[in-house]
């Protein structure tokens, strides 16, 4: 468990003795979940610090109009939406389910403030990571629109993902994607098939699978 926590950016810089000291004071709840079990529900109040410590999970988010959705694979260790603990809307923004057997660690929000924030390094890490997320979203608003259709497809997927790691899957009709990209269905279909032929994505019925978003972003010209 020490290794899992210390691998998370929130705990980096803390010593094993400091983690041990916290464990002696804080009530940690461990839960083992079976494949398909819900970890966190969309819209549920986020009043706990939830960490995937072992195994894999999947997150899902739907477009506001319900015309498409995005799923992402998550590997441990992974902190689930710590930014949702704060602000005006303190609810989970995505649905999280176990992918195979997994283990989660749950820390009550009150203990997060009463014990963890006693350690300056944890507070700095938490503020830095939340600030970085806010800054990235701010930059994204002003980011230029790629000229190529492939570049716009990559931008469309990348802007909706929480992490660059893990398998991504977009469930969307070709007509809807073409409408979002302001392109013809034929041009979008051609670009997607070229990406599939090059091994960047996999196409299924109403689904685009991205095995490596990092590779897609790094190698596709905007």
C-alpha atoms as a PDB file:
ATOM      1  CA  UNK A   1       0.000   0.000   0.000  1.00  0.00           C
ATOM      2  CA  UNK A   2       2.863   2.397   0.814  1.00  0.00           C
ATOM      3  CA  UNK A   3       4.239   1.943  -2.673  1.00  0.00           C
ATOM      4  CA  UNK A   4       0.825   2.612  -4.265  1.00  0.00           C
ATOM      5  CA  UNK A   5       0.329   5.827  -2.313  1.00  0.00           C
ATOM      6  CA  UNK A   6       3.861   7.101  -2.892  1.00  0.00           C
ATOM      7  CA  UNK A   7       3.449   6.538  -6.644  1.00  0.00           C
ATOM      8  CA  UNK A   8       0.583   9.037  -6.699  1.00  0.00           C
ATOM      9  CA  UNK A   9       1.686  12.635  -7.365  1.00  0.00           C
ATOM     10  CA  UNK A  10      -0.305  13.818  -4.325  1.00  0.00           C
ATOM     11  CA  UNK A  11       2.018  11.926  -1.964  1.00  0.00           C
ATOM     12  CA  UNK A  12       5.314  12.398  -3.789  1.00  0.00           C
ATOM     13  CA  UNK A  13       7.953  13.858  -1.533  1.00  0.00           C
ATOM     14  CA  UNK A  14       6.425  12.364   1.603  1.00  0.00           C
ATOM     15  CA  UNK A  15       8.451   9.769   3.481  1.00  0.00           C
ATOM     16  CA  UNK A  16       7.297   6.312   4.458  1.00  0.00           C
ATOM     17  CA  UNK A  17       7.405   7.416   8.109  1.00  0.00           C
ATOM     18  CA  UNK A  18       5.039  10.292   7.352  1.00  0.00           C
ATOM     19  CA  UNK A  19       2.613   7.960   5.571  1.00  0.00           C
ATOM     20  CA  UNK A  20       2.829   5.553   8.514  1.00  0.00           C
ATOM     21  CA  UNK A  21       2.074   8.371  10.946  1.00  0.00           C
ATOM     22  CA  UNK A  22      -1.051   9.253   8.985  1.00  0.00           C
ATOM     23  CA  UNK A  23      -2.163   5.625   8.803  1.00  0.00           C
ATOM     24  CA  UNK A  24      -2.022   5.438  12.592  1.00  0.00           C
ATOM     25  CA  UNK A  25      -4.473   8.335  12.923  1.00  0.00           C
ATOM     26  CA  UNK A  26      -6.797   8.111   9.942  1.00  0.00           C
ATOM     27  CA  UNK A  27      -9.570   5.618   9.296  1.00  0.00           C
ATOM     28  CA  UNK A  28      -8.801   4.066   5.927  1.00  0.00           C
ATOM     29  CA  UNK A  29     -11.549   2.071   4.208  1.00  0.00           C
ATOM     30  CA  UNK A  30     -10.450  -0.568   1.720  1.00  0.00           C
ATOM     31  CA  UNK A  31     -13.007  -2.104  -0.626  1.00  0.00           C
ATOM     32  CA  UNK A  32     -12.569  -5.005  -3.019  1.00  0.00           C
ATOM     33  CA  UNK A  33     -14.821  -4.761  -6.049  1.00  0.00           C
ATOM     34  CA  UNK A  34     -15.800  -7.339  -8.644  1.00  0.00           C
ATOM     35  CA  UNK A  35     -15.898  -6.735 -12.386  1.00  0.00           C
ATOM     36  CA  UNK A  36     -18.631  -4.261 -13.321  1.00  0.00           C
ATOM     37  CA  UNK A  37     -19.260  -2.942  -9.801  1.00  0.00           C
ATOM     38  CA  UNK A  38     -19.730   0.796  -9.429  1.00  0.00           C
ATOM     39  CA  UNK A  39     -16.910   2.719  -7.775  1.00  0.00           C
ATOM     40  CA  UNK A  40     -18.334   6.247  -8.038  1.00  0.00           C
ATOM     41  CA  UNK A  41     -21.609   7.329  -9.581  1.00  0.00           C
ATOM     42  CA  UNK A  42     -22.083  10.254 -11.915  1.00  0.00           C
ATOM     43  CA  UNK A  43     -23.718  13.073  -9.951  1.00  0.00           C
ATOM     44  CA  UNK A  44     -22.979  11.458  -6.583  1.00  0.00           C
ATOM     45  CA  UNK A  45     -21.647  13.787  -3.884  1.00  0.00           C
ATOM     46  CA  UNK A  46     -17.848  13.743  -3.780  1.00  0.00           C
ATOM     47  CA  UNK A  47     -17.090  13.849  -0.056  1.00  0.00           C
ATOM     48  CA  UNK A  48     -14.306  11.264  -0.038  1.00  0.00           C
ATOM     49  CA  UNK A  49     -10.814  10.952  -1.493  1.00  0.00           C
ATOM     50  CA  UNK A  50     -11.077   7.766  -3.568  1.00  0.00           C
ATOM     51  CA  UNK A  51      -7.933   6.004  -4.799  1.00  0.00           C
ATOM     52  CA  UNK A  52      -7.765   2.989  -7.076  1.00  0.00           C
ATOM     53  CA  UNK A  53      -4.899   1.084  -5.418  1.00  0.00           C
ATOM     54  CA  UNK A  54      -4.995  -2.183  -7.346  1.00  0.00           C
ATOM     55  CA  UNK A  55      -6.413  -3.368 -10.661  1.00  0.00           C
ATOM     56  CA  UNK A  56      -8.214  -1.429 -13.369  1.00  0.00           C
ATOM     57  CA  UNK A  57     -11.359   0.632 -13.740  1.00  0.00           C
ATOM     58  CA  UNK A  58     -13.272   2.416 -16.472  1.00  0.00           C
ATOM     59  CA  UNK A  59     -14.697   5.926 -16.504  1.00  0.00           C
ATOM     60  CA  UNK A  60     -17.570   7.067 -18.712  1.00  0.00           C
ATOM     61  CA  UNK A  61     -18.844  10.518 -19.584  1.00  0.00           C
ATOM     62  CA  UNK A  62     -21.761  11.393 -21.862  1.00  0.00           C
ATOM     63  CA  UNK A  63     -22.175  14.503 -23.962  1.00  0.00           C
ATOM     64  CA  UNK A  64     -24.785  16.919 -22.551  1.00  0.00           C
ATOM     65  CA  UNK A  65     -27.053  16.274 -25.534  1.00  0.00           C
ATOM     66  CA  UNK A  66     -26.617  12.498 -25.234  1.00  0.00           C
ATOM     67  CA  UNK A  67     -25.379  12.053 -28.803  1.00  0.00           C
ATOM     68  CA  UNK A  68     -22.006  10.561 -27.916  1.00  0.00           C
ATOM     69  CA  UNK A  69     -19.950   9.273 -24.993  1.00  0.00           C
ATOM     70  CA  UNK A  70     -16.346   8.631 -24.022  1.00  0.00           C
ATOM     71  CA  UNK A  71     -14.889   5.820 -21.924  1.00  0.00           C
ATOM     72  CA  UNK A  72     -11.350   5.639 -20.559  1.00  0.00           C
ATOM     73  CA  UNK A  73      -9.454   2.756 -18.988  1.00  0.00           C
ATOM     74  CA  UNK A  74      -7.786   3.607 -15.674  1.00  0.00           C
ATOM     75  CA  UNK A  75      -4.890   1.712 -14.099  1.00  0.00           C
ATOM     76  CA  UNK A  76      -3.871   1.771 -10.422  1.00  0.00           C
ATOM     77  CA  UNK A  77      -2.682   3.808  -8.686  1.00  0.00           C
ATOM     78  CA  UNK A  78      -5.176   6.513  -9.618  1.00  0.00           C
ATOM     79  CA  UNK A  79      -6.951   9.208  -7.568  1.00  0.00           C
ATOM     80  CA  UNK A  80     -10.535   9.642  -8.767  1.00  0.00           C
ATOM     81  CA  UNK A  81     -11.553  13.257  -9.319  1.00  0.00           C
ATOM     82  CA  UNK A  82      -9.886  14.923  -6.297  1.00  0.00           C
ATOM     83  CA  UNK A  83     -10.782  18.265  -7.911  1.00  0.00           C
ATOM     84  CA  UNK A  84     -14.483  17.428  -7.373  1.00  0.00           C
ATOM     85  CA  UNK A  85     -13.941  17.699  -3.606  1.00  0.00           C
ATOM     86  CA  UNK A  86     -13.867  21.474  -3.984  1.00  0.00           C
ATOM     87  CA  UNK A  87     -15.781  24.282  -5.656  1.00  0.00           C
ATOM     88  CA  UNK A  88     -19.436  25.008  -6.280  1.00  0.00           C
ATOM     89  CA  UNK A  89     -20.258  21.594  -7.734  1.00  0.00           C
ATOM     90  CA  UNK A  90     -18.874  18.852  -5.474  1.00  0.00           C
ATOM     91  CA  UNK A  91     -20.250  15.884  -7.394  1.00  0.00           C
ATOM     92  CA  UNK A  92     -18.534  13.272  -9.558  1.00  0.00           C
ATOM     93  CA  UNK A  93     -18.495  14.300 -13.206  1.00  0.00           C
ATOM     94  CA  UNK A  94     -18.114  10.757 -14.558  1.00  0.00           C
ATOM     95  CA  UNK A  95     -19.248   7.228 -13.855  1.00  0.00           C
ATOM     96  CA  UNK A  96     -16.533   4.840 -12.608  1.00  0.00           C
ATOM     97  CA  UNK A  97     -16.817   1.045 -12.671  1.00  0.00           C
ATOM     98  CA  UNK A  98     -14.434  -1.807 -11.902  1.00  0.00           C
ATOM     99  CA  UNK A  99     -12.809  -3.514 -14.863  1.00  0.00           C
ATOM    100  CA  UNK A 100     -12.040  -6.922 -13.450  1.00  0.00           C
ATOM    101  CA  UNK A 101     -11.336  -7.257  -9.739  1.00  0.00           C
ATOM    102  CA  UNK A 102      -9.891  -4.143  -8.167  1.00  0.00           C
ATOM    103  CA  UNK A 103      -9.273  -2.498  -4.803  1.00  0.00           C
ATOM    104  CA  UNK A 104     -10.044   1.065  -3.780  1.00  0.00           C
ATOM    105  CA  UNK A 105      -8.962   3.107  -0.788  1.00  0.00           C
ATOM    106  CA  UNK A 106     -11.464   5.634   0.569  1.00  0.00           C
ATOM    107  CA  UNK A 107     -10.427   8.535   2.834  1.00  0.00           C
ATOM    108  CA  UNK A 108     -13.134  10.734   4.326  1.00  0.00           C
ATOM    109  CA  UNK A 109     -12.876  14.394   3.327  1.00  0.00           C
ATOM    110  CA  UNK A 110     -12.664  15.539   6.946  1.00  0.00           C
ATOM    111  CA  UNK A 111      -9.544  13.425   7.524  1.00  0.00           C
ATOM    112  CA  UNK A 112      -8.036  14.779   4.333  1.00  0.00           C
ATOM    113  CA  UNK A 113      -8.177  18.269   5.815  1.00  0.00           C
ATOM    114  CA  UNK A 114      -7.472  17.434   9.454  1.00  0.00           C
ATOM    115  CA  UNK A 115      -4.471  15.150   8.908  1.00  0.00           C
ATOM    116  CA  UNK A 116      -3.051  15.236   5.379  1.00  0.00           C
ATOM    117  CA  UNK A 117      -2.957  19.020   5.104  1.00  0.00           C
ATOM    118  CA  UNK A 118      -0.710  19.123   8.173  1.00  0.00           C
ATOM    119  CA  UNK A 119       2.017  18.087   5.745  1.00  0.00           C
ATOM    120  CA  UNK A 120       3.023  21.018   3.581  1.00  0.00           C
ATOM    121  CA  UNK A 121       4.261  18.814   0.738  1.00  0.00           C
ATOM    122  CA  UNK A 122       0.844  17.123   0.399  1.00  0.00           C
ATOM    123  CA  UNK A 123      -0.962  20.482   0.373  1.00  0.00           C
ATOM    124  CA  UNK A 124       1.424  21.871  -2.247  1.00  0.00           C
ATOM    125  CA  UNK A 125       1.068  18.759  -4.406  1.00  0.00           C
ATOM    126  CA  UNK A 126      -2.725  18.897  -4.219  1.00  0.00           C
ATOM    127  CA  UNK A 127      -2.900  22.611  -5.040  1.00  0.00           C
ATOM    128  CA  UNK A 128      -0.394  22.239  -7.893  1.00  0.00           C
ATOM    129  CA  UNK A 129      -2.314  19.391  -9.514  1.00  0.00           C
ATOM    130  CA  UNK A 130      -5.698  21.091  -9.217  1.00  0.00           C
ATOM    131  CA  UNK A 131      -4.216  24.366 -10.507  1.00  0.00           C
ATOM    132  CA  UNK A 132      -2.563  22.553 -13.413  1.00  0.00           C
ATOM    133  CA  UNK A 133      -5.907  21.058 -14.435  1.00  0.00           C
ATOM    134  CA  UNK A 134      -7.585  24.466 -14.329  1.00  0.00           C
ATOM    135  CA  UNK A 135      -4.750  26.040 -16.334  1.00  0.00           C
ATOM    136  CA  UNK A 136      -4.843  23.317 -18.989  1.00  0.00           C
ATOM    137  CA  UNK A 137      -8.583  23.822 -19.451  1.00  0.00           C
ATOM    138  CA  UNK A 138      -8.012  27.549 -19.740  1.00  0.00           C
ATOM    139  CA  UNK A 139      -5.336  27.002 -22.398  1.00  0.00           C
ATOM    140  CA  UNK A 140      -7.621  24.616 -24.292  1.00  0.00           C
ATOM    141  CA  UNK A 141     -10.219  27.355 -24.798  1.00  0.00           C
ATOM    142  CA  UNK A 142      -7.671  29.457 -26.676  1.00  0.00           C
ATOM    143  CA  UNK A 143      -5.965  26.589 -28.447  1.00  0.00           C
ATOM    144  CA  UNK A 144      -5.946  26.861 -32.228  1.00  0.00           C
ATOM    145  CA  UNK A 145      -8.099  24.608 -34.369  1.00  0.00           C
ATOM    146  CA  UNK A 146      -5.979  22.163 -36.405  1.00  0.00           C
ATOM    147  CA  UNK A 147      -6.251  22.577 -40.146  1.00  0.00           C
ATOM    148  CA  UNK A 148      -6.277  18.888 -41.013  1.00  0.00           C
ATOM    149  CA  UNK A 149      -9.297  16.669 -40.375  1.00  0.00           C
ATOM    150  CA  UNK A 150      -7.077  14.134 -38.630  1.00  0.00           C
ATOM    151  CA  UNK A 151      -5.751  16.863 -36.363  1.00  0.00           C
ATOM    152  CA  UNK A 152      -9.278  17.968 -35.481  1.00  0.00           C
ATOM    153  CA  UNK A 153     -10.270  14.367 -34.712  1.00  0.00           C
ATOM    154  CA  UNK A 154      -7.286  14.059 -32.365  1.00  0.00           C
ATOM    155  CA  UNK A 155      -8.171  17.378 -30.698  1.00  0.00           C
ATOM    156  CA  UNK A 156     -11.816  16.333 -30.305  1.00  0.00           C
ATOM    157  CA  UNK A 157     -10.848  13.146 -28.486  1.00  0.00           C
ATOM    158  CA  UNK A 158      -7.945  14.586 -26.492  1.00  0.00           C
ATOM    159  CA  UNK A 159      -9.911  17.519 -25.072  1.00  0.00           C
ATOM    160  CA  UNK A 160     -12.487  15.146 -23.596  1.00  0.00           C
ATOM    161  CA  UNK A 161     -10.045  12.802 -21.875  1.00  0.00           C
ATOM    162  CA  UNK A 162      -8.909  13.034 -18.260  1.00  0.00           C
ATOM    163  CA  UNK A 163      -5.595  11.307 -18.896  1.00  0.00           C
ATOM    164  CA  UNK A 164      -3.263  10.675 -21.790  1.00  0.00           C
ATOM    165  CA  UNK A 165      -2.784   7.092 -20.578  1.00  0.00           C
ATOM    166  CA  UNK A 166      -5.064   4.101 -21.036  1.00  0.00           C
ATOM    167  CA  UNK A 167      -7.372   2.884 -23.787  1.00  0.00           C
ATOM    168  CA  UNK A 168     -10.011   5.356 -24.990  1.00  0.00           C
ATOM    169  CA  UNK A 169     -13.293   4.625 -26.705  1.00  0.00           C
ATOM    170  CA  UNK A 170     -15.643   7.165 -28.272  1.00  0.00           C
ATOM    171  CA  UNK A 171     -19.170   5.970 -28.997  1.00  0.00           C
ATOM    172  CA  UNK A 172     -20.430   8.313 -31.721  1.00  0.00           C
ATOM    173  CA  UNK A 173     -22.188   8.210 -35.083  1.00  0.00           C
ATOM    174  CA  UNK A 174     -20.186   9.313 -38.092  1.00  0.00           C
ATOM    175  CA  UNK A 175     -22.776  11.954 -38.947  1.00  0.00           C
ATOM    176  CA  UNK A 176     -22.523  13.491 -35.482  1.00  0.00           C
ATOM    177  CA  UNK A 177     -18.712  13.606 -35.558  1.00  0.00           C
ATOM    178  CA  UNK A 178     -18.802  15.208 -39.015  1.00  0.00           C
ATOM    179  CA  UNK A 179     -21.238  17.822 -37.722  1.00  0.00           C
ATOM    180  CA  UNK A 180     -18.995  18.661 -34.729  1.00  0.00           C
ATOM    181  CA  UNK A 181     -15.940  18.952 -36.990  1.00  0.00           C
ATOM    182  CA  UNK A 182     -17.864  20.983 -39.618  1.00  0.00           C
ATOM    183  CA  UNK A 183     -16.849  18.474 -42.268  1.00  0.00           C
ATOM    184  CA  UNK A 184     -18.597  16.129 -44.656  1.00  0.00           C
ATOM    185  CA  UNK A 185     -19.259  12.575 -43.533  1.00  0.00           C
ATOM    186  CA  UNK A 186     -17.187  11.302 -46.481  1.00  0.00           C
ATOM    187  CA  UNK A 187     -14.106  13.347 -45.505  1.00  0.00           C
ATOM    188  CA  UNK A 188     -14.329  12.295 -41.865  1.00  0.00           C
ATOM    189  CA  UNK A 189     -14.761   8.648 -42.839  1.00  0.00           C
ATOM    190  CA  UNK A 190     -11.703   8.843 -45.094  1.00  0.00           C
ATOM    191  CA  UNK A 191      -9.569  10.401 -42.351  1.00  0.00           C
ATOM    192  CA  UNK A 192     -10.672   7.816 -39.787  1.00  0.00           C
ATOM    193  CA  UNK A 193      -9.923   4.925 -42.132  1.00  0.00           C
ATOM    194  CA  UNK A 194      -6.473   6.338 -42.839  1.00  0.00           C
ATOM    195  CA  UNK A 195      -5.809   6.545 -39.099  1.00  0.00           C
ATOM    196  CA  UNK A 196      -6.969   2.947 -38.723  1.00  0.00           C
ATOM    197  CA  UNK A 197      -4.796   1.741 -41.608  1.00  0.00           C
ATOM    198  CA  UNK A 198      -1.794   3.387 -39.929  1.00  0.00           C
ATOM    199  CA  UNK A 199      -2.570   1.568 -36.656  1.00  0.00           C
ATOM    200  CA  UNK A 200      -3.524   4.632 -34.600  1.00  0.00           C
ATOM    201  CA  UNK A 201      -7.174   3.721 -34.005  1.00  0.00           C
ATOM    202  CA  UNK A 202      -9.629   0.854 -34.367  1.00  0.00           C
ATOM    203  CA  UNK A 203     -13.026   1.415 -35.939  1.00  0.00           C
ATOM    204  CA  UNK A 204     -16.140  -0.495 -34.909  1.00  0.00           C
ATOM    205  CA  UNK A 205     -19.819   0.172 -35.392  1.00  0.00           C
ATOM    206  CA  UNK A 206     -20.458   3.660 -33.966  1.00  0.00           C
ATOM    207  CA  UNK A 207     -17.193   3.415 -32.036  1.00  0.00           C
ATOM    208  CA  UNK A 208     -13.646   4.766 -32.291  1.00  0.00           C
ATOM    209  CA  UNK A 209     -11.064   2.991 -30.118  1.00  0.00           C
ATOM    210  CA  UNK A 210      -7.745   4.666 -29.341  1.00  0.00           C
ATOM    211  CA  UNK A 211      -5.158   2.255 -27.883  1.00  0.00           C
ATOM    212  CA  UNK A 212      -2.613   5.057 -27.250  1.00  0.00           C
ATOM    213  CA  UNK A 213      -3.736   8.681 -27.125  1.00  0.00           C
ATOM    214  CA  UNK A 214      -0.154   9.749 -26.389  1.00  0.00           C
ATOM    215  CA  UNK A 215       1.065   8.264 -29.669  1.00  0.00           C
ATOM    216  CA  UNK A 216      -1.852   9.777 -31.556  1.00  0.00           C
ATOM    217  CA  UNK A 217      -1.162  13.272 -30.207  1.00  0.00           C
ATOM    218  CA  UNK A 218       2.605  13.064 -30.746  1.00  0.00           C
ATOM    219  CA  UNK A 219       2.584  11.628 -34.257  1.00  0.00           C
ATOM    220  CA  UNK A 220      -0.416  13.138 -36.061  1.00  0.00           C
ATOM    221  CA  UNK A 221       0.229  16.481 -37.722  1.00  0.00           C
ATOM    222  CA  UNK A 222      -2.235  19.231 -36.706  1.00  0.00           C
END
